[in-house]
Amino acid sequence: MLAHYGYLAVFGLVFVEGFGPPVPGQSILIVAGVYAGAGQLNIVVVGVIGFLAATGGDNVGFVIGHFGGRKLVLRLGRRLFLTEERLAKAEKFFDRRGGLVVVIARFIDGLRQANGIVAGLAGMSWWRFLAFNALGAALWVGVWTSAGYFAGDHIEVIYGQFQRYEWWVLAALAVLVALLVARWIVRRRRVRPAEPTEPTEGPKPVKPTTGSADGGHPVQPGDPQQHLDGLGVGDEERSPHRSGEVGQRPDR
């Protein structure tokens, strides 16, 4: 097929594989890489076409899952023991960690074909899906076209060994990515500034009084009489003439 249809075969198979049908999209990328290594195809063109086809096919699957998948799953949920509550929990989990799932699923047969459908079914943001899907597609296309390009006649042996240890390699990759993400989260929490605490209200300041003192006449701030009142000095001590009668002269 590749010898007759070339780049069109690469685009068609990779694109269709992105939304469900079990076609050999990954195999065609490897073979296209081998053809490019032999000089029959351009490796750059193969990579670009493969990337566009992979992202485009997954977006078709996302549309299917987003607009029609949930109704279909809920309709068949009784037979599959999938209630609406369980589906809501799955959607919440996929929304939090869906980006990592989208990238890794690209390298796993079965998950790769249903990647976009599950993301759309889980209610994942389209912009977020587009970003992680593009990252996964770039890695996936780059790995397999490069493997076919550089391995040449040995690609069958290399591909067979990869399929043998596929799950171990992907599990190690997932653990590594999870550790890096956890490390980043811990560092971010450490450098996050502490939330400011609300200041406690102290005693309200006492405003200076401008009313009448015990002596009778108004007291203004800074008045000497206010100072004498504070010392406990009465009117008799301040005015010696008030001790006697008015108009009485002291004896000589």
C-alpha atoms as a PDB file:
ATOM      1  CA  MET A   1       0.000   0.000   0.000  1.00  0.00           C
ATOM      2  CA  LEU A   2       2.739   2.450   0.955  1.00  0.00           C
ATOM      3  CA  ALA A   3       4.593   1.826  -2.303  1.00  0.00           C
ATOM      4  CA  HIS A   4       1.522   2.828  -4.321  1.00  0.00           C
ATOM      5  CA  TYR A   5      -0.072   5.578  -2.229  1.00  0.00           C
ATOM      6  CA  GLY A   6       2.901   6.916  -0.268  1.00  0.00           C
ATOM      7  CA  TYR A   7       2.063   9.916   1.914  1.00  0.00           C
ATOM      8  CA  LEU A   8      -1.678   9.513   1.332  1.00  0.00           C
ATOM      9  CA  ALA A   9      -1.553   6.055   2.899  1.00  0.00           C
ATOM     10  CA  VAL A  10       0.293   7.436   5.930  1.00  0.00           C
ATOM     11  CA  PHE A  11      -2.247  10.191   6.452  1.00  0.00           C
ATOM     12  CA  GLY A  12      -5.309   7.999   5.886  1.00  0.00           C
ATOM     13  CA  LEU A  13      -4.374   5.132   8.215  1.00  0.00           C
ATOM     14  CA  VAL A  14      -3.065   7.321  11.041  1.00  0.00           C
ATOM     15  CA  PHE A  15      -6.085   9.628  10.809  1.00  0.00           C
ATOM     16  CA  VAL A  16      -8.675   6.825  10.883  1.00  0.00           C
ATOM     17  CA  GLU A  17      -6.912   5.077  13.769  1.00  0.00           C
ATOM     18  CA  GLY A  18      -7.359   8.216  15.869  1.00  0.00           C
ATOM     19  CA  PHE A  19     -11.111   7.749  16.380  1.00  0.00           C
ATOM     20  CA  GLY A  20     -11.578   4.020  16.900  1.00  0.00           C
ATOM     21  CA  PRO A  21     -11.205   1.686  13.910  1.00  0.00           C
ATOM     22  CA  PRO A  22      -8.381  -0.874  14.413  1.00  0.00           C
ATOM     23  CA  VAL A  23      -6.172   0.015  11.471  1.00  0.00           C
ATOM     24  CA  PRO A  24      -2.341  -0.243  11.440  1.00  0.00           C
ATOM     25  CA  GLY A  25      -1.566   3.444  11.887  1.00  0.00           C
ATOM     26  CA  GLN A  26       1.538   2.864  14.012  1.00  0.00           C
ATOM     27  CA  SER A  27       2.863   0.189  11.670  1.00  0.00           C
ATOM     28  CA  ILE A  28       2.500   2.456   8.654  1.00  0.00           C
ATOM     29  CA  LEU A  29       4.607   5.104  10.395  1.00  0.00           C
ATOM     30  CA  ILE A  30       7.399   2.604  11.010  1.00  0.00           C
ATOM     31  CA  VAL A  31       7.332   1.352   7.435  1.00  0.00           C
ATOM     32  CA  ALA A  32       7.262   4.934   6.153  1.00  0.00           C
ATOM     33  CA  GLY A  33      10.370   5.615   8.229  1.00  0.00           C
ATOM     34  CA  VAL A  34      12.086   2.621   6.630  1.00  0.00           C
ATOM     35  CA  TYR A  35      11.102   3.878   3.162  1.00  0.00           C
ATOM     36  CA  ALA A  36      12.477   7.299   4.061  1.00  0.00           C
ATOM     37  CA  GLY A  37      15.753   5.727   5.181  1.00  0.00           C
ATOM     38  CA  ALA A  38      15.974   4.006   1.807  1.00  0.00           C
ATOM     39  CA  GLY A  39      15.452   7.333   0.026  1.00  0.00           C
ATOM     40  CA  GLN A  40      11.957   6.599  -1.308  1.00  0.00           C
ATOM     41  CA  LEU A  41      10.162   9.094   0.972  1.00  0.00           C
ATOM     42  CA  ASN A  42      11.109  12.315   2.739  1.00  0.00           C
ATOM     43  CA  ILE A  43      11.406  11.790   6.488  1.00  0.00           C
ATOM     44  CA  VAL A  44      10.363  15.382   7.293  1.00  0.00           C
ATOM     45  CA  VAL A  45       7.222  15.123   5.161  1.00  0.00           C
ATOM     46  CA  VAL A  46       6.387  11.775   6.755  1.00  0.00           C
ATOM     47  CA  GLY A  47       6.718  13.304  10.224  1.00  0.00           C
ATOM     48  CA  VAL A  48       4.572  16.350   9.442  1.00  0.00           C
ATOM     49  CA  ILE A  49       1.842  14.299   7.752  1.00  0.00           C
ATOM     50  CA  GLY A  50       1.842  11.776  10.580  1.00  0.00           C
ATOM     51  CA  PHE A  51       1.538  14.528  13.197  1.00  0.00           C
ATOM     52  CA  LEU A  52      -1.346  16.268  11.421  1.00  0.00           C
ATOM     53  CA  ALA A  53      -3.171  12.984  10.863  1.00  0.00           C
ATOM     54  CA  ALA A  54      -2.739  11.875  14.486  1.00  0.00           C
ATOM     55  CA  THR A  55      -3.990  15.127  16.002  1.00  0.00           C
ATOM     56  CA  GLY A  56      -6.825  15.386  13.486  1.00  0.00           C
ATOM     57  CA  GLY A  57      -8.077  11.849  14.076  1.00  0.00           C
ATOM     58  CA  ASP A  58      -8.011  12.243  17.846  1.00  0.00           C
ATOM     59  CA  ASN A  59      -9.994  15.460  17.586  1.00  0.00           C
ATOM     60  CA  VAL A  60     -12.669  13.621  15.618  1.00  0.00           C
ATOM     61  CA  GLY A  61     -12.814  11.110  18.457  1.00  0.00           C
ATOM     62  CA  PHE A  62     -13.053  13.944  20.969  1.00  0.00           C
ATOM     63  CA  VAL A  63     -16.069  15.375  19.137  1.00  0.00           C
ATOM     64  CA  ILE A  64     -17.734  11.952  19.109  1.00  0.00           C
ATOM     65  CA  GLY A  65     -17.218  11.468  22.829  1.00  0.00           C
ATOM     66  CA  HIS A  66     -18.149  15.024  23.747  1.00  0.00           C
ATOM     67  CA  PHE A  67     -21.415  15.277  21.829  1.00  0.00           C
ATOM     68  CA  GLY A  68     -22.665  11.697  21.662  1.00  0.00           C
ATOM     69  CA  GLY A  69     -20.586   9.475  23.887  1.00  0.00           C
ATOM     70  CA  ARG A  70     -22.076  10.244  27.288  1.00  0.00           C
ATOM     71  CA  LYS A  71     -25.639   9.469  26.222  1.00  0.00           C
ATOM     72  CA  LEU A  72     -24.522   6.196  24.696  1.00  0.00           C
ATOM     73  CA  VAL A  73     -22.537   5.162  27.787  1.00  0.00           C
ATOM     74  CA  LEU A  74     -25.382   5.987  30.162  1.00  0.00           C
ATOM     75  CA  ARG A  75     -27.810   4.058  27.968  1.00  0.00           C
ATOM     76  CA  LEU A  76     -25.612   0.962  28.146  1.00  0.00           C
ATOM     77  CA  GLY A  77     -24.508   1.652  31.719  1.00  0.00           C
ATOM     78  CA  ARG A  78     -26.774  -0.949  33.336  1.00  0.00           C
ATOM     79  CA  ARG A  79     -25.222  -3.753  31.321  1.00  0.00           C
ATOM     80  CA  LEU A  80     -21.716  -2.441  31.982  1.00  0.00           C
ATOM     81  CA  PHE A  81     -22.360  -1.746  35.691  1.00  0.00           C
ATOM     82  CA  LEU A  82     -21.542   1.887  35.051  1.00  0.00           C
ATOM     83  CA  THR A  83     -23.813   4.268  36.919  1.00  0.00           C
ATOM     84  CA  GLU A  84     -23.976   8.007  36.438  1.00  0.00           C
ATOM     85  CA  GLU A  85     -22.225   8.494  39.786  1.00  0.00           C
ATOM     86  CA  ARG A  86     -19.292   6.314  38.777  1.00  0.00           C
ATOM     87  CA  LEU A  87     -19.085   8.066  35.446  1.00  0.00           C
ATOM     88  CA  ALA A  88     -18.963  11.437  37.226  1.00  0.00           C
ATOM     89  CA  LYS A  89     -16.061  10.231  39.391  1.00  0.00           C
ATOM     90  CA  ALA A  90     -14.225   8.978  36.302  1.00  0.00           C
ATOM     91  CA  GLU A  91     -14.758  12.300  34.565  1.00  0.00           C
ATOM     92  CA  LYS A  92     -13.408  14.178  37.590  1.00  0.00           C
ATOM     93  CA  PHE A  93     -10.314  11.951  37.742  1.00  0.00           C
ATOM     94  CA  PHE A  94      -9.673  12.271  34.011  1.00  0.00           C
ATOM     95  CA  ASP A  95     -10.090  16.040  34.196  1.00  0.00           C
ATOM     96  CA  ARG A  96      -7.376  16.279  36.881  1.00  0.00           C
ATOM     97  CA  ARG A  97      -4.882  13.800  35.436  1.00  0.00           C
ATOM     98  CA  GLY A  98      -6.183  13.544  31.909  1.00  0.00           C
ATOM     99  CA  GLY A  99      -3.219  15.342  30.382  1.00  0.00           C
ATOM    100  CA  LEU A 100      -0.779  12.624  31.431  1.00  0.00           C
ATOM    101  CA  VAL A 101      -3.232   9.947  30.300  1.00  0.00           C
ATOM    102  CA  VAL A 102      -3.569  11.537  26.858  1.00  0.00           C
ATOM    103  CA  VAL A 103       0.210  11.567  26.328  1.00  0.00           C
ATOM    104  CA  ILE A 104       0.911   8.011  27.534  1.00  0.00           C
ATOM    105  CA  ALA A 105      -2.137   6.441  25.861  1.00  0.00           C
ATOM    106  CA  ARG A 106      -0.701   7.363  22.482  1.00  0.00           C
ATOM    107  CA  PHE A 107       1.892   4.568  22.883  1.00  0.00           C
ATOM    108  CA  ILE A 108      -0.561   1.842  24.010  1.00  0.00           C
ATOM    109  CA  ASP A 109      -2.627  -0.166  21.539  1.00  0.00           C
ATOM    110  CA  GLY A 110      -6.307   0.046  22.374  1.00  0.00           C
ATOM    111  CA  LEU A 111      -5.963   3.227  24.382  1.00  0.00           C
ATOM    112  CA  ARG A 112      -4.534   5.034  21.397  1.00  0.00           C
ATOM    113  CA  GLN A 113      -7.668   4.366  19.360  1.00  0.00           C
ATOM    114  CA  ALA A 114     -10.044   5.461  22.157  1.00  0.00           C
ATOM    115  CA  ASN A 115      -7.962   8.344  23.461  1.00  0.00           C
ATOM    116  CA  GLY A 116     -10.005  11.206  22.052  1.00  0.00           C
ATOM    117  CA  ILE A 117     -13.357   9.527  22.682  1.00  0.00           C
ATOM    118  CA  VAL A 118     -12.629   9.022  26.393  1.00  0.00           C
ATOM    119  CA  ALA A 119     -11.362  12.588  26.750  1.00  0.00           C
ATOM    120  CA  GLY A 120     -14.516  13.980  25.170  1.00  0.00           C
ATOM    121  CA  LEU A 121     -16.697  11.654  27.225  1.00  0.00           C
ATOM    122  CA  ALA A 122     -14.994  12.772  30.451  1.00  0.00           C
ATOM    123  CA  GLY A 123     -15.755  16.419  29.698  1.00  0.00           C
ATOM    124  CA  MET A 124     -12.120  17.440  29.385  1.00  0.00           C
ATOM    125  CA  SER A 125     -11.485  20.957  28.144  1.00  0.00           C
ATOM    126  CA  TRP A 126     -10.859  20.954  24.400  1.00  0.00           C
ATOM    127  CA  TRP A 127      -7.925  23.365  24.638  1.00  0.00           C
ATOM    128  CA  ARG A 128      -6.287  21.202  27.290  1.00  0.00           C
ATOM    129  CA  PHE A 129      -6.868  18.066  25.254  1.00  0.00           C
ATOM    130  CA  LEU A 130      -5.499  19.746  22.144  1.00  0.00           C
ATOM    131  CA  ALA A 131      -2.272  20.716  23.917  1.00  0.00           C
ATOM    132  CA  PHE A 132      -1.555  17.306  25.472  1.00  0.00           C
ATOM    133  CA  ASN A 133      -2.706  15.463  22.375  1.00  0.00           C
ATOM    134  CA  ALA A 134      -0.314  17.484  20.228  1.00  0.00           C
ATOM    135  CA  LEU A 135       2.524  16.677  22.637  1.00  0.00           C
ATOM    136  CA  GLY A 136       1.712  12.970  22.605  1.00  0.00           C
ATOM    137  CA  ALA A 137       1.334  12.901  18.827  1.00  0.00           C
ATOM    138  CA  ALA A 138       4.676  14.645  18.309  1.00  0.00           C
ATOM    139  CA  LEU A 139       6.457  12.158  20.584  1.00  0.00           C
ATOM    140  CA  TRP A 140       4.693   9.166  19.068  1.00  0.00           C
ATOM    141  CA  VAL A 141       5.322  10.121  15.443  1.00  0.00           C
ATOM    142  CA  GLY A 142       8.891  11.168  16.192  1.00  0.00           C
ATOM    143  CA  VAL A 143       9.758   7.899  17.964  1.00  0.00           C
ATOM    144  CA  TRP A 144       8.396   5.503  15.353  1.00  0.00           C
ATOM    145  CA  THR A 145       9.396   7.344  12.196  1.00  0.00           C
ATOM    146  CA  SER A 146      12.908   7.801  13.603  1.00  0.00           C
ATOM    147  CA  ALA A 147      13.048   4.133  14.600  1.00  0.00           C
ATOM    148  CA  GLY A 148      12.114   3.059  11.095  1.00  0.00           C
ATOM    149  CA  TYR A 149      14.479   5.576   9.522  1.00  0.00           C
ATOM    150  CA  PHE A 150      17.597   4.620  11.506  1.00  0.00           C
ATOM    151  CA  ALA A 151      16.923   0.930  12.159  1.00  0.00           C
ATOM    152  CA  GLY A 152      16.231  -0.032   8.561  1.00  0.00           C
ATOM    153  CA  ASP A 153      16.306  -3.808   8.127  1.00  0.00           C
ATOM    154  CA  HIS A 154      16.595  -4.375  11.895  1.00  0.00           C
ATOM    155  CA  ILE A 155      13.264  -2.731  12.650  1.00  0.00           C
ATOM    156  CA  GLU A 156      11.424  -6.051  12.973  1.00  0.00           C
ATOM    157  CA  VAL A 157      13.730  -7.192  15.787  1.00  0.00           C
ATOM    158  CA  ILE A 158      13.556  -3.826  17.561  1.00  0.00           C
ATOM    159  CA  TYR A 159       9.783  -3.588  17.259  1.00  0.00           C
ATOM    160  CA  GLY A 160       9.359  -7.143  18.519  1.00  0.00           C
ATOM    161  CA  GLN A 161      11.447  -6.395  21.605  1.00  0.00           C
ATOM    162  CA  PHE A 162       9.474  -3.241  22.272  1.00  0.00           C
ATOM    163  CA  GLN A 163       6.171  -5.097  22.112  1.00  0.00           C
ATOM    164  CA  ARG A 164       7.567  -7.667  24.525  1.00  0.00           C
ATOM    165  CA  TYR A 165       8.493  -5.075  27.160  1.00  0.00           C
ATOM    166  CA  GLU A 166       5.992  -2.398  26.145  1.00  0.00           C
ATOM    167  CA  TRP A 167       4.065  -2.287  29.419  1.00  0.00           C
ATOM    168  CA  TRP A 168       7.223  -2.247  31.553  1.00  0.00           C
ATOM    169  CA  VAL A 169       8.693   0.635  29.584  1.00  0.00           C
ATOM    170  CA  LEU A 170       5.475   2.633  29.699  1.00  0.00           C
ATOM    171  CA  ALA A 171       4.996   1.932  33.429  1.00  0.00           C
ATOM    172  CA  ALA A 172       8.514   3.181  34.140  1.00  0.00           C
ATOM    173  CA  LEU A 173       7.845   6.254  32.016  1.00  0.00           C
ATOM    174  CA  ALA A 174       4.581   6.933  33.867  1.00  0.00           C
ATOM    175  CA  VAL A 175       6.289   6.610  37.274  1.00  0.00           C
ATOM    176  CA  LEU A 176       9.065   8.952  36.164  1.00  0.00           C
ATOM    177  CA  VAL A 177       6.619  11.577  34.950  1.00  0.00           C
ATOM    178  CA  ALA A 178       4.543  11.257  38.139  1.00  0.00           C
ATOM    179  CA  LEU A 179       7.643  11.761  40.305  1.00  0.00           C
ATOM    180  CA  LEU A 180       8.637  14.847  38.341  1.00  0.00           C
ATOM    181  CA  VAL A 181       5.140  16.294  38.678  1.00  0.00           C
ATOM    182  CA  ALA A 182       5.057  15.540  42.425  1.00  0.00           C
ATOM    183  CA  ARG A 183       8.451  17.168  42.884  1.00  0.00           C
ATOM    184  CA  TRP A 184       7.271  20.270  41.057  1.00  0.00           C
ATOM    185  CA  ILE A 185       4.125  20.468  43.209  1.00  0.00           C
ATOM    186  CA  VAL A 186       6.135  20.143  46.453  1.00  0.00           C
ATOM    187  CA  ARG A 187       8.533  22.885  45.401  1.00  0.00           C
ATOM    188  CA  ARG A 188       5.677  25.151  44.421  1.00  0.00           C
ATOM    189  CA  ARG A 189       3.994  24.705  47.791  1.00  0.00           C
ATOM    190  CA  ARG A 190       7.225  25.462  49.636  1.00  0.00           C
ATOM    191  CA  VAL A 191       7.825  28.755  47.859  1.00  0.00           C
ATOM    192  CA  ARG A 192       4.186  29.821  48.093  1.00  0.00           C
ATOM    193  CA  PRO A 193       3.946  32.854  50.455  1.00  0.00           C
ATOM    194  CA  ALA A 194       1.958  32.446  53.633  1.00  0.00           C
ATOM    195  CA  GLU A 195      -1.498  33.948  53.647  1.00  0.00           C
ATOM    196  CA  PRO A 196      -1.613  37.264  55.547  1.00  0.00           C
ATOM    197  CA  THR A 197      -3.424  37.074  58.861  1.00  0.00           C
ATOM    198  CA  GLU A 198      -5.976  39.678  59.823  1.00  0.00           C
ATOM    199  CA  PRO A 199      -4.596  42.127  62.419  1.00  0.00           C
ATOM    200  CA  THR A 200      -6.195  41.920  65.838  1.00  0.00           C
ATOM    201  CA  GLU A 201      -8.006  45.029  66.936  1.00  0.00           C
ATOM    202  CA  GLY A 202      -6.403  46.700  69.948  1.00  0.00           C
ATOM    203  CA  PRO A 203      -7.994  49.133  72.374  1.00  0.00           C
ATOM    204  CA  LYS A 204      -9.417  52.170  70.701  1.00  0.00           C
ATOM    205  CA  PRO A 205      -7.522  55.409  71.432  1.00  0.00           C
ATOM    206  CA  VAL A 206      -9.218  57.743  73.860  1.00  0.00           C
ATOM    207  CA  LYS A 207      -9.974  61.111  72.379  1.00  0.00           C
ATOM    208  CA  PRO A 208      -9.159  64.153  74.555  1.00  0.00           C
ATOM    209  CA  THR A 209     -12.222  65.470  76.322  1.00  0.00           C
ATOM    210  CA  THR A 210     -13.419  68.958  75.651  1.00  0.00           C
ATOM    211  CA  GLY A 211     -16.296  68.952  78.115  1.00  0.00           C
ATOM    212  CA  SER A 212     -16.555  70.380  81.636  1.00  0.00           C
ATOM    213  CA  ALA A 213     -14.120  69.367  84.338  1.00  0.00           C
ATOM    214  CA  ASP A 214     -15.090  68.925  87.974  1.00  0.00           C
ATOM    215  CA  GLY A 215     -14.319  72.575  88.549  1.00  0.00           C
ATOM    216  CA  GLY A 216     -17.186  73.706  86.353  1.00  0.00           C
ATOM    217  CA  HIS A 217     -15.816  75.619  83.332  1.00  0.00           C
ATOM    218  CA  PRO A 218     -14.997  73.959  80.011  1.00  0.00           C
ATOM    219  CA  VAL A 219     -11.555  72.446  79.607  1.00  0.00           C
ATOM    220  CA  GLN A 220      -9.681  72.587  76.334  1.00  0.00           C
ATOM    221  CA  PRO A 221      -6.819  70.303  75.378  1.00  0.00           C
ATOM    222  CA  GLY A 222      -3.598  71.722  76.778  1.00  0.00           C
ATOM    223  CA  ASP A 223      -5.453  73.799  79.446  1.00  0.00           C
ATOM    224  CA  PRO A 224      -3.401  74.160  82.700  1.00  0.00           C
ATOM    225  CA  GLN A 225      -6.535  73.420  84.678  1.00  0.00           C
ATOM    226  CA  GLN A 226      -6.697  69.946  83.094  1.00  0.00           C
ATOM    227  CA  HIS A 227      -3.146  69.305  84.276  1.00  0.00           C
ATOM    228  CA  LEU A 228      -3.992  70.405  87.828  1.00  0.00           C
ATOM    229  CA  ASP A 229      -7.098  68.236  87.861  1.00  0.00           C
ATOM    230  CA  GLY A 230      -4.959  65.288  86.935  1.00  0.00           C
ATOM    231  CA  LEU A 231      -2.708  65.996  89.960  1.00  0.00           C
ATOM    232  CA  GLY A 232      -5.695  66.083  92.300  1.00  0.00           C
ATOM    233  CA  VAL A 233      -5.450  69.769  93.144  1.00  0.00           C
ATOM    234  CA  GLY A 234      -8.832  71.218  94.197  1.00  0.00           C
ATOM    235  CA  ASP A 235     -10.263  74.691  93.786  1.00  0.00           C
ATOM    236  CA  GLU A 236      -9.437  75.615  97.391  1.00  0.00           C
ATOM    237  CA  GLU A 237      -5.752  74.880  96.938  1.00  0.00           C
ATOM    238  CA  ARG A 238      -5.590  76.743  93.647  1.00  0.00           C
ATOM    239  CA  SER A 239      -7.462  79.861  94.937  1.00  0.00           C
ATOM    240  CA  PRO A 240      -6.426  80.855  98.502  1.00  0.00           C
ATOM    241  CA  HIS A 241      -8.827  83.820  98.507  1.00  0.00           C
ATOM    242  CA  ARG A 242     -11.799  81.425  98.541  1.00  0.00           C
ATOM    243  CA  SER A 243     -10.921  80.122 102.028  1.00  0.00           C
ATOM    244  CA  GLY A 244     -12.374  83.230 103.643  1.00  0.00           C
ATOM    245  CA  GLU A 245     -15.408  85.385 103.010  1.00  0.00           C
ATOM    246  CA  VAL A 246     -15.531  87.675 100.098  1.00  0.00           C
ATOM    247  CA  GLY A 247     -14.343  91.197 100.965  1.00  0.00           C
ATOM    248  CA  GLN A 248     -12.723  90.180 104.343  1.00  0.00           C
ATOM    249  CA  ARG A 249      -9.193  91.380 104.806  1.00  0.00           C
ATOM    250  CA  PRO A 250      -6.670  89.366 106.777  1.00  0.00           C
ATOM    251  CA  ASP A 251      -5.598  90.715 110.164  1.00  0.00           C
ATOM    252  CA  ARG A 252      -2.431  92.725 110.180  1.00  0.00           C
END
